[in-house]
C-alpha cells in the first residue's frame, strides 16, 4: 500500500481494502433469507452477482471457492447474466460488500477511518474498470490524469468511508 497526503493506493491480498485480502465476514445477498460467510470481498461480490441473476448453484460454488481468484472466475460463469443489468447494479453491489466487510470488524473500521478524506485508488495494473490500470510502482500512479481506468472500487471505498464518517 502506498499512502500519500491525499491518496491511498492499494492492490492485492496484503492490502486490507483489496477484495482479495483474506477477511471473513457475514453478508446478506439478494434473494437469500440469511447470511453467508464470505472468505474475501471478492467472494462476497461474486455471490451478490450470482444472487442478482438468481443463480444459486453458482452462488454455492463461489461460497466454497478456495481463493478470491477462483471466486472471480466462477463469477464469469453465472447463468442468466445480463450486462446491462449488471452495469446498472455493480457499484451498489460493491458498496454493499464494502459496508459488510468494514462493519464486521472494529479493526477494519478503525483502519478505514484513519484515512478519511483521502482518495482510495485500486492500483491494479490489469483492471481498468474497478482499478486505474496502473500498478503502485508505476511513476504515473500519482497523476490521476494518467490513469487508464475508472477506479470504481476506490470510488466505492470513498463513498462507504464518507458514510461512516457522517455516522460518527
N, C-alpha and C. Protein backbone atom coordinates (compact mmCIF):
# COMPACT_ATOMS: atom_id res chain seq x y z
N UNK A 1 0.85 -1.17 0.00
CA UNK A 1 0.00 0.00 0.00
C UNK A 1 0.89 1.23 0.00
N UNK A 2 0.51 2.20 -0.80
CA UNK A 2 1.22 3.47 -0.85
C UNK A 2 0.25 4.54 -0.34
N UNK A 3 0.67 5.29 0.66
CA UNK A 3 -0.19 6.31 1.25
C UNK A 3 0.50 7.66 1.10
N UNK A 4 -0.21 8.61 0.51
CA UNK A 4 0.30 9.97 0.36
C UNK A 4 -0.60 10.90 1.18
N UNK A 5 -0.35 12.18 1.09
CA UNK A 5 -1.20 13.15 1.81
C UNK A 5 -2.64 13.12 1.33
N UNK A 6 -2.84 12.71 0.09
CA UNK A 6 -4.18 12.79 -0.50
C UNK A 6 -4.78 11.45 -0.93
N UNK A 7 -3.96 10.41 -1.09
CA UNK A 7 -4.44 9.15 -1.67
C UNK A 7 -3.97 7.93 -0.88
N UNK A 8 -4.74 6.86 -1.02
CA UNK A 8 -4.37 5.52 -0.53
C UNK A 8 -4.41 4.61 -1.74
N UNK A 9 -3.24 4.14 -2.17
CA UNK A 9 -3.13 3.24 -3.32
C UNK A 9 -2.96 1.83 -2.79
N UNK A 10 -3.78 0.91 -3.25
CA UNK A 10 -3.75 -0.46 -2.73
C UNK A 10 -3.93 -1.44 -3.88
N UNK A 11 -3.48 -2.67 -3.62
CA UNK A 11 -3.68 -3.74 -4.60
C UNK A 11 -3.18 -5.04 -4.00
N UNK A 12 -3.97 -6.07 -4.10
CA UNK A 12 -3.52 -7.41 -3.72
C UNK A 12 -3.89 -7.81 -2.31
N UNK A 13 -3.66 -9.07 -2.03
CA UNK A 13 -4.15 -9.69 -0.80
C UNK A 13 -3.54 -9.12 0.48
N UNK A 14 -2.40 -8.45 0.39
CA UNK A 14 -1.79 -7.90 1.60
C UNK A 14 -2.37 -6.56 2.02
N UNK A 15 -3.15 -5.93 1.16
CA UNK A 15 -3.72 -4.62 1.45
C UNK A 15 -5.19 -4.76 1.82
N UNK A 16 -5.55 -4.34 3.04
CA UNK A 16 -6.90 -4.57 3.55
C UNK A 16 -8.03 -4.04 2.67
N UNK A 17 -7.88 -2.94 1.91
CA UNK A 17 -9.02 -2.51 1.07
C UNK A 17 -9.28 -3.44 -0.12
N UNK A 18 -8.32 -4.26 -0.49
CA UNK A 18 -8.45 -5.12 -1.65
C UNK A 18 -9.52 -6.19 -1.45
N UNK A 19 -10.26 -6.50 -2.49
CA UNK A 19 -11.22 -7.59 -2.44
C UNK A 19 -10.54 -8.95 -2.32
N UNK A 20 -9.25 -9.00 -2.54
CA UNK A 20 -8.52 -10.26 -2.43
C UNK A 20 -7.90 -10.44 -1.04
N UNK A 21 -8.01 -9.44 -0.17
CA UNK A 21 -7.48 -9.54 1.19
C UNK A 21 -8.30 -10.57 1.97
N UNK A 22 -7.62 -11.51 2.62
CA UNK A 22 -8.35 -12.55 3.34
C UNK A 22 -8.98 -12.03 4.64
N UNK A 23 -10.28 -11.86 4.63
CA UNK A 23 -11.02 -11.47 5.83
C UNK A 23 -12.43 -12.05 5.68
N UNK A 24 -12.81 -12.87 6.63
CA UNK A 24 -14.14 -13.49 6.59
C UNK A 24 -15.16 -12.55 7.22
N UNK A 25 -16.33 -12.46 6.61
CA UNK A 25 -17.38 -11.62 7.18
C UNK A 25 -18.74 -12.10 6.66
N UNK A 26 -19.77 -11.87 7.47
CA UNK A 26 -21.12 -12.27 7.05
C UNK A 26 -21.70 -11.25 6.08
N UNK A 27 -22.44 -11.75 5.10
CA UNK A 27 -23.11 -10.86 4.14
C UNK A 27 -24.45 -11.45 3.75
N UNK A 28 -25.43 -10.58 3.68
CA UNK A 28 -26.76 -10.97 3.19
C UNK A 28 -26.82 -10.57 1.73
N UNK A 29 -27.20 -11.50 0.89
CA UNK A 29 -27.29 -11.23 -0.54
C UNK A 29 -28.75 -11.30 -0.99
N UNK A 30 -29.03 -10.65 -2.10
CA UNK A 30 -30.36 -10.62 -2.68
C UNK A 30 -30.91 -12.04 -2.82
N UNK A 31 -32.19 -12.19 -2.63
CA UNK A 31 -32.88 -13.48 -2.78
C UNK A 31 -32.50 -14.51 -1.72
N UNK A 32 -31.84 -14.09 -0.66
CA UNK A 32 -31.48 -15.05 0.39
C UNK A 32 -32.23 -14.71 1.67
N UNK A 33 -32.44 -15.71 2.49
CA UNK A 33 -33.15 -15.49 3.74
C UNK A 33 -32.20 -15.29 4.91
N UNK A 34 -30.93 -15.63 4.72
CA UNK A 34 -29.98 -15.50 5.81
C UNK A 34 -28.66 -14.91 5.32
N UNK A 35 -27.68 -15.07 6.15
CA UNK A 35 -26.35 -14.55 5.85
C UNK A 35 -25.43 -15.67 5.38
N UNK A 36 -24.49 -15.31 4.53
CA UNK A 36 -23.44 -16.22 4.09
C UNK A 36 -22.13 -15.70 4.67
N UNK A 37 -21.22 -16.58 4.93
CA UNK A 37 -19.91 -16.18 5.42
C UNK A 37 -18.96 -16.12 4.22
N UNK A 38 -18.56 -14.91 3.85
CA UNK A 38 -17.65 -14.72 2.72
C UNK A 38 -16.21 -14.81 3.20
N UNK A 39 -15.36 -15.43 2.41
CA UNK A 39 -13.93 -15.56 2.76
C UNK A 39 -13.14 -14.29 2.43
N UNK A 40 -13.61 -13.58 1.41
CA UNK A 40 -12.96 -12.33 0.98
C UNK A 40 -14.04 -11.42 0.40
N UNK A 41 -13.67 -10.18 0.14
CA UNK A 41 -14.58 -9.27 -0.53
C UNK A 41 -14.94 -9.77 -1.91
N UNK A 42 -14.00 -10.42 -2.59
CA UNK A 42 -14.29 -10.93 -3.94
C UNK A 42 -15.32 -12.04 -3.89
N UNK A 43 -15.21 -12.93 -2.90
CA UNK A 43 -16.22 -13.97 -2.74
C UNK A 43 -17.60 -13.31 -2.56
N UNK A 44 -17.67 -12.32 -1.67
CA UNK A 44 -18.95 -11.66 -1.39
C UNK A 44 -19.49 -10.96 -2.63
N UNK A 45 -18.62 -10.28 -3.36
CA UNK A 45 -19.04 -9.54 -4.55
C UNK A 45 -19.60 -10.48 -5.61
N UNK A 46 -18.91 -11.58 -5.84
CA UNK A 46 -19.37 -12.54 -6.85
C UNK A 46 -20.65 -13.25 -6.39
N UNK A 47 -20.80 -13.46 -5.07
CA UNK A 47 -22.04 -14.05 -4.56
C UNK A 47 -23.20 -13.09 -4.79
N UNK A 48 -22.97 -11.79 -4.60
CA UNK A 48 -24.01 -10.79 -4.87
C UNK A 48 -24.42 -10.82 -6.34
N UNK A 49 -23.43 -10.98 -7.21
CA UNK A 49 -23.72 -11.05 -8.65
C UNK A 49 -24.55 -12.30 -8.96
N UNK A 50 -24.17 -13.43 -8.42
CA UNK A 50 -24.91 -14.67 -8.65
C UNK A 50 -26.34 -14.55 -8.14
N UNK A 51 -26.51 -13.95 -6.96
CA UNK A 51 -27.85 -13.80 -6.38
C UNK A 51 -28.71 -12.87 -7.24
N UNK A 52 -28.11 -11.80 -7.75
CA UNK A 52 -28.85 -10.87 -8.60
C UNK A 52 -29.47 -11.59 -9.80
N UNK A 53 -28.73 -12.54 -10.35
CA UNK A 53 -29.21 -13.27 -11.53
C UNK A 53 -29.86 -14.61 -11.14
N UNK A 54 -30.09 -14.77 -9.84
CA UNK A 54 -30.81 -15.92 -9.32
C UNK A 54 -30.14 -17.25 -9.65
N UNK A 55 -28.81 -17.26 -9.71
CA UNK A 55 -28.06 -18.48 -9.97
C UNK A 55 -27.50 -18.99 -8.64
N UNK A 56 -28.33 -19.73 -7.93
CA UNK A 56 -27.94 -20.21 -6.61
C UNK A 56 -26.88 -21.32 -6.67
N UNK A 57 -26.81 -22.02 -7.79
CA UNK A 57 -25.75 -23.02 -7.97
C UNK A 57 -24.40 -22.32 -8.03
N UNK A 58 -24.31 -21.27 -8.82
CA UNK A 58 -23.06 -20.50 -8.90
C UNK A 58 -22.74 -19.87 -7.54
N UNK A 59 -23.76 -19.37 -6.85
CA UNK A 59 -23.54 -18.76 -5.54
C UNK A 59 -22.89 -19.76 -4.59
N UNK A 60 -23.40 -20.96 -4.55
CA UNK A 60 -22.83 -22.00 -3.67
C UNK A 60 -21.39 -22.34 -4.07
N UNK A 61 -21.13 -22.40 -5.35
CA UNK A 61 -19.77 -22.70 -5.82
C UNK A 61 -18.82 -21.56 -5.46
N UNK A 62 -19.28 -20.32 -5.59
CA UNK A 62 -18.46 -19.16 -5.24
C UNK A 62 -18.20 -19.16 -3.73
N UNK A 63 -19.21 -19.45 -2.95
CA UNK A 63 -19.09 -19.50 -1.50
C UNK A 63 -17.97 -20.44 -1.05
N UNK A 64 -17.81 -21.55 -1.74
CA UNK A 64 -16.80 -22.54 -1.36
C UNK A 64 -15.51 -22.45 -2.18
N UNK A 65 -15.40 -21.45 -3.02
CA UNK A 65 -14.19 -21.29 -3.83
C UNK A 65 -12.97 -21.17 -2.91
N UNK A 66 -11.88 -21.78 -3.32
CA UNK A 66 -10.69 -21.83 -2.46
C UNK A 66 -9.87 -20.54 -2.47
N UNK A 67 -10.15 -19.64 -3.41
CA UNK A 67 -9.38 -18.40 -3.49
C UNK A 67 -10.26 -17.30 -4.07
N UNK A 68 -9.88 -16.05 -3.86
CA UNK A 68 -10.65 -14.97 -4.48
C UNK A 68 -10.56 -15.02 -6.00
N UNK A 69 -9.43 -15.47 -6.53
CA UNK A 69 -9.31 -15.59 -7.99
C UNK A 69 -10.30 -16.63 -8.52
N UNK A 70 -10.43 -17.75 -7.81
CA UNK A 70 -11.40 -18.76 -8.23
C UNK A 70 -12.83 -18.20 -8.15
N UNK A 71 -13.12 -17.44 -7.10
CA UNK A 71 -14.45 -16.81 -6.97
C UNK A 71 -14.70 -15.88 -8.16
N UNK A 72 -13.70 -15.10 -8.54
CA UNK A 72 -13.80 -14.21 -9.70
C UNK A 72 -14.10 -15.00 -10.97
N UNK A 73 -13.37 -16.08 -11.18
CA UNK A 73 -13.58 -16.91 -12.37
C UNK A 73 -14.99 -17.51 -12.39
N UNK A 74 -15.44 -17.99 -11.23
CA UNK A 74 -16.78 -18.56 -11.14
C UNK A 74 -17.85 -17.50 -11.41
N UNK A 75 -17.57 -16.26 -11.01
CA UNK A 75 -18.50 -15.17 -11.28
C UNK A 75 -18.71 -14.92 -12.76
N UNK A 76 -17.77 -15.37 -13.56
CA UNK A 76 -17.89 -15.20 -15.02
C UNK A 76 -18.71 -16.31 -15.68
N UNK A 77 -19.19 -17.26 -14.86
CA UNK A 77 -19.97 -18.38 -15.39
C UNK A 77 -21.43 -18.31 -14.96
N UNK A 78 -21.87 -17.21 -14.39
CA UNK A 78 -23.22 -17.08 -13.84
C UNK A 78 -24.27 -17.20 -14.95
N UNK A 79 -25.21 -18.08 -14.73
CA UNK A 79 -26.31 -18.30 -15.69
C UNK A 79 -27.29 -17.13 -15.62
N UNK A 80 -27.77 -16.71 -16.78
CA UNK A 80 -28.74 -15.63 -16.84
C UNK A 80 -28.13 -14.24 -16.74
N UNK A 81 -26.81 -14.17 -16.74
CA UNK A 81 -26.12 -12.88 -16.63
C UNK A 81 -26.55 -11.95 -17.76
N UNK A 82 -26.76 -10.68 -17.40
CA UNK A 82 -27.12 -9.65 -18.38
C UNK A 82 -26.24 -8.43 -18.14
N UNK A 83 -25.44 -8.08 -19.13
CA UNK A 83 -24.52 -6.95 -18.98
C UNK A 83 -25.24 -5.65 -18.63
N UNK A 84 -26.33 -5.28 -19.31
CA UNK A 84 -27.00 -4.02 -18.93
C UNK A 84 -27.47 -4.00 -17.47
N UNK A 85 -28.01 -5.14 -17.01
CA UNK A 85 -28.48 -5.22 -15.62
C UNK A 85 -27.29 -5.09 -14.67
N UNK A 86 -26.20 -5.81 -14.95
CA UNK A 86 -25.04 -5.78 -14.07
C UNK A 86 -24.39 -4.40 -14.06
N UNK A 87 -24.28 -3.78 -15.21
CA UNK A 87 -23.69 -2.43 -15.27
C UNK A 87 -24.47 -1.45 -14.41
N UNK A 88 -25.77 -1.64 -14.33
CA UNK A 88 -26.61 -0.76 -13.52
C UNK A 88 -26.47 -1.04 -12.03
N UNK A 89 -26.17 -2.27 -11.65
CA UNK A 89 -26.20 -2.68 -10.24
C UNK A 89 -24.83 -2.94 -9.60
N UNK A 90 -23.78 -3.03 -10.40
CA UNK A 90 -22.48 -3.47 -9.88
C UNK A 90 -21.91 -2.54 -8.81
N UNK A 91 -22.05 -1.23 -8.97
CA UNK A 91 -21.46 -0.33 -7.98
C UNK A 91 -22.20 -0.39 -6.65
N UNK A 92 -23.53 -0.51 -6.69
CA UNK A 92 -24.27 -0.65 -5.43
C UNK A 92 -23.93 -1.99 -4.77
N UNK A 93 -23.70 -3.02 -5.58
CA UNK A 93 -23.28 -4.31 -5.03
C UNK A 93 -21.92 -4.19 -4.35
N UNK A 94 -21.00 -3.47 -4.98
CA UNK A 94 -19.67 -3.29 -4.38
C UNK A 94 -19.77 -2.53 -3.06
N UNK A 95 -20.55 -1.46 -3.03
CA UNK A 95 -20.70 -0.70 -1.78
C UNK A 95 -21.33 -1.57 -0.70
N UNK A 96 -22.28 -2.41 -1.07
CA UNK A 96 -22.91 -3.33 -0.12
C UNK A 96 -21.85 -4.26 0.49
N UNK A 97 -20.98 -4.80 -0.35
CA UNK A 97 -19.91 -5.69 0.11
C UNK A 97 -18.95 -4.93 1.03
N UNK A 98 -18.54 -3.75 0.63
CA UNK A 98 -17.58 -2.98 1.44
C UNK A 98 -18.18 -2.61 2.79
N UNK A 99 -19.46 -2.26 2.83
CA UNK A 99 -20.12 -1.96 4.11
C UNK A 99 -20.11 -3.19 5.01
N UNK A 100 -20.46 -4.34 4.44
CA UNK A 100 -20.48 -5.58 5.22
C UNK A 100 -19.08 -5.90 5.74
N UNK A 101 -18.09 -5.75 4.90
CA UNK A 101 -16.70 -6.03 5.28
C UNK A 101 -16.26 -5.13 6.43
N UNK A 102 -16.48 -3.86 6.28
CA UNK A 102 -15.98 -2.89 7.26
C UNK A 102 -16.77 -2.95 8.57
N UNK A 103 -18.05 -3.27 8.48
CA UNK A 103 -18.87 -3.36 9.70
C UNK A 103 -18.66 -4.66 10.46
N UNK A 104 -17.91 -5.59 9.87
CA UNK A 104 -17.66 -6.87 10.52
C UNK A 104 -16.49 -6.81 11.50
N UNK A 105 -15.74 -5.72 11.47
CA UNK A 105 -14.51 -5.67 12.26
C UNK A 105 -14.23 -4.25 12.74
N UNK A 106 -14.13 -4.09 14.05
CA UNK A 106 -13.77 -2.76 14.57
C UNK A 106 -12.37 -2.37 14.12
N UNK A 107 -11.50 -3.36 13.95
CA UNK A 107 -10.14 -3.08 13.47
C UNK A 107 -10.18 -2.50 12.05
N UNK A 108 -10.92 -3.14 11.16
CA UNK A 108 -11.04 -2.63 9.79
C UNK A 108 -11.71 -1.26 9.76
N UNK A 109 -12.74 -1.09 10.57
CA UNK A 109 -13.42 0.19 10.61
C UNK A 109 -12.47 1.29 11.08
N UNK A 110 -11.67 0.99 12.09
CA UNK A 110 -10.68 1.95 12.59
C UNK A 110 -9.66 2.29 11.51
N UNK A 111 -9.17 1.25 10.81
CA UNK A 111 -8.21 1.50 9.72
C UNK A 111 -8.81 2.39 8.65
N UNK A 112 -10.04 2.10 8.26
CA UNK A 112 -10.68 2.89 7.21
C UNK A 112 -10.83 4.35 7.64
N UNK A 113 -11.25 4.56 8.87
CA UNK A 113 -11.47 5.92 9.34
C UNK A 113 -10.16 6.70 9.49
N UNK A 114 -9.05 6.00 9.66
CA UNK A 114 -7.75 6.67 9.71
C UNK A 114 -7.46 7.41 8.41
N UNK A 115 -8.06 6.94 7.33
CA UNK A 115 -7.78 7.51 6.01
C UNK A 115 -8.93 8.35 5.47
N UNK A 116 -9.87 8.74 6.34
CA UNK A 116 -11.00 9.55 5.86
C UNK A 116 -10.45 10.83 5.23
N UNK A 117 -11.08 11.21 4.15
CA UNK A 117 -10.65 12.40 3.43
C UNK A 117 -9.63 12.13 2.34
N UNK A 118 -9.06 10.93 2.35
CA UNK A 118 -8.12 10.56 1.28
C UNK A 118 -8.88 9.82 0.19
N UNK A 119 -8.37 9.89 -1.01
CA UNK A 119 -8.96 9.20 -2.14
C UNK A 119 -8.37 7.80 -2.25
N UNK A 120 -9.23 6.78 -2.23
CA UNK A 120 -8.78 5.40 -2.36
C UNK A 120 -8.62 5.06 -3.84
N UNK A 121 -7.54 4.36 -4.16
CA UNK A 121 -7.23 4.03 -5.55
C UNK A 121 -6.81 2.57 -5.63
N UNK A 122 -7.57 1.77 -6.38
CA UNK A 122 -7.15 0.40 -6.62
C UNK A 122 -6.09 0.43 -7.71
N UNK A 123 -4.86 0.16 -7.31
CA UNK A 123 -3.71 0.24 -8.23
C UNK A 123 -3.51 -1.10 -8.94
N UNK A 124 -4.54 -1.53 -9.62
CA UNK A 124 -4.47 -2.78 -10.38
C UNK A 124 -3.96 -2.48 -11.78
N UNK A 125 -2.84 -3.08 -12.15
CA UNK A 125 -2.32 -2.82 -13.49
C UNK A 125 -3.16 -3.44 -14.60
N UNK A 126 -4.01 -4.44 -14.25
CA UNK A 126 -4.79 -5.16 -15.27
C UNK A 126 -6.27 -4.80 -15.28
N UNK A 127 -6.74 -4.09 -14.28
CA UNK A 127 -8.16 -3.81 -14.20
C UNK A 127 -8.43 -2.33 -14.42
N UNK A 128 -9.10 -2.04 -15.52
CA UNK A 128 -9.40 -0.64 -15.84
C UNK A 128 -10.84 -0.26 -15.52
N UNK A 129 -11.58 -1.18 -14.95
CA UNK A 129 -12.94 -0.87 -14.52
C UNK A 129 -12.93 -0.57 -13.02
N UNK A 130 -12.52 -1.54 -12.23
CA UNK A 130 -12.51 -1.36 -10.77
C UNK A 130 -11.24 -0.66 -10.30
N UNK A 131 -10.20 -0.69 -11.10
CA UNK A 131 -8.94 -0.04 -10.75
C UNK A 131 -8.58 1.04 -11.75
N UNK A 132 -7.31 1.47 -11.69
CA UNK A 132 -6.86 2.55 -12.57
C UNK A 132 -5.95 2.06 -13.70
N UNK A 133 -5.71 0.76 -13.78
CA UNK A 133 -4.89 0.23 -14.87
C UNK A 133 -3.41 0.51 -14.72
N UNK A 134 -2.99 0.89 -13.53
CA UNK A 134 -1.57 1.16 -13.24
C UNK A 134 -1.20 0.53 -11.90
N UNK A 135 0.03 0.08 -11.77
CA UNK A 135 0.49 -0.51 -10.51
C UNK A 135 1.00 0.59 -9.58
N UNK A 136 1.13 0.24 -8.31
CA UNK A 136 1.68 1.17 -7.32
C UNK A 136 3.07 1.63 -7.73
N UNK A 137 3.84 0.77 -8.35
CA UNK A 137 5.21 1.12 -8.75
C UNK A 137 5.31 1.97 -10.01
N UNK A 138 4.21 2.16 -10.70
CA UNK A 138 4.24 2.97 -11.92
C UNK A 138 4.37 4.45 -11.55
N UNK A 139 5.33 5.16 -12.13
CA UNK A 139 5.50 6.58 -11.78
C UNK A 139 4.29 7.45 -12.09
N UNK A 140 3.38 6.99 -12.95
CA UNK A 140 2.18 7.77 -13.28
C UNK A 140 1.03 7.57 -12.30
N UNK A 141 1.19 6.67 -11.33
CA UNK A 141 0.09 6.34 -10.42
C UNK A 141 -0.41 7.55 -9.64
N UNK A 142 0.47 8.48 -9.32
CA UNK A 142 0.06 9.64 -8.52
C UNK A 142 -0.54 10.77 -9.35
N UNK A 143 -0.65 10.57 -10.65
CA UNK A 143 -1.22 11.60 -11.53
C UNK A 143 -2.54 11.09 -12.10
N UNK A 144 -3.69 11.50 -11.51
CA UNK A 144 -4.98 10.99 -11.97
C UNK A 144 -5.25 11.23 -13.45
N UNK A 145 -4.62 12.21 -14.06
CA UNK A 145 -4.83 12.44 -15.50
C UNK A 145 -4.21 11.33 -16.34
N UNK A 146 -3.35 10.52 -15.75
CA UNK A 146 -2.69 9.43 -16.48
C UNK A 146 -3.28 8.06 -16.17
N UNK A 147 -4.27 8.04 -15.31
CA UNK A 147 -4.91 6.77 -15.01
C UNK A 147 -5.62 6.25 -16.25
N UNK A 148 -5.58 4.94 -16.43
CA UNK A 148 -6.18 4.29 -17.60
C UNK A 148 -7.54 3.68 -17.29
N UNK A 149 -7.94 3.76 -16.03
CA UNK A 149 -9.18 3.12 -15.62
C UNK A 149 -10.07 4.05 -14.81
N UNK A 150 -11.25 3.53 -14.47
CA UNK A 150 -12.26 4.35 -13.80
C UNK A 150 -12.23 4.30 -12.28
N UNK A 151 -11.49 3.32 -11.71
CA UNK A 151 -11.32 3.23 -10.25
C UNK A 151 -12.65 3.08 -9.51
N UNK A 152 -13.54 2.26 -10.02
CA UNK A 152 -14.84 2.11 -9.38
C UNK A 152 -14.75 1.56 -7.96
N UNK A 153 -13.79 0.66 -7.71
CA UNK A 153 -13.69 0.16 -6.34
C UNK A 153 -13.18 1.24 -5.40
N UNK A 154 -12.17 1.98 -5.82
CA UNK A 154 -11.68 3.08 -4.99
C UNK A 154 -12.77 4.09 -4.70
N UNK A 155 -13.56 4.43 -5.70
CA UNK A 155 -14.68 5.37 -5.51
C UNK A 155 -15.71 4.78 -4.55
N UNK A 156 -15.92 3.48 -4.63
CA UNK A 156 -16.86 2.84 -3.70
C UNK A 156 -16.34 2.93 -2.27
N UNK A 157 -15.04 2.71 -2.08
CA UNK A 157 -14.45 2.88 -0.75
C UNK A 157 -14.64 4.31 -0.26
N UNK A 158 -14.41 5.28 -1.12
CA UNK A 158 -14.58 6.68 -0.73
C UNK A 158 -16.00 6.93 -0.23
N UNK A 159 -17.00 6.41 -0.94
CA UNK A 159 -18.39 6.59 -0.55
C UNK A 159 -18.68 5.95 0.80
N UNK A 160 -18.23 4.70 0.98
CA UNK A 160 -18.50 3.97 2.22
C UNK A 160 -17.82 4.64 3.41
N UNK A 161 -16.60 5.09 3.24
CA UNK A 161 -15.89 5.76 4.33
C UNK A 161 -16.53 7.10 4.65
N UNK A 162 -17.00 7.81 3.64
CA UNK A 162 -17.71 9.07 3.88
C UNK A 162 -19.00 8.81 4.66
N UNK A 163 -19.69 7.73 4.35
CA UNK A 163 -20.90 7.36 5.11
C UNK A 163 -20.55 7.09 6.57
N UNK A 164 -19.49 6.34 6.79
CA UNK A 164 -19.04 6.04 8.15
C UNK A 164 -18.72 7.30 8.93
N UNK A 165 -18.04 8.22 8.27
CA UNK A 165 -17.65 9.48 8.90
C UNK A 165 -18.89 10.27 9.32
N UNK A 166 -19.90 10.32 8.47
CA UNK A 166 -21.13 11.04 8.79
C UNK A 166 -21.89 10.39 9.94
N UNK A 167 -21.78 9.06 10.06
CA UNK A 167 -22.48 8.34 11.13
C UNK A 167 -21.82 8.61 12.49
N UNK A 168 -20.56 9.04 12.43
CA UNK A 168 -19.85 9.34 13.67
C UNK A 168 -19.22 8.15 14.19
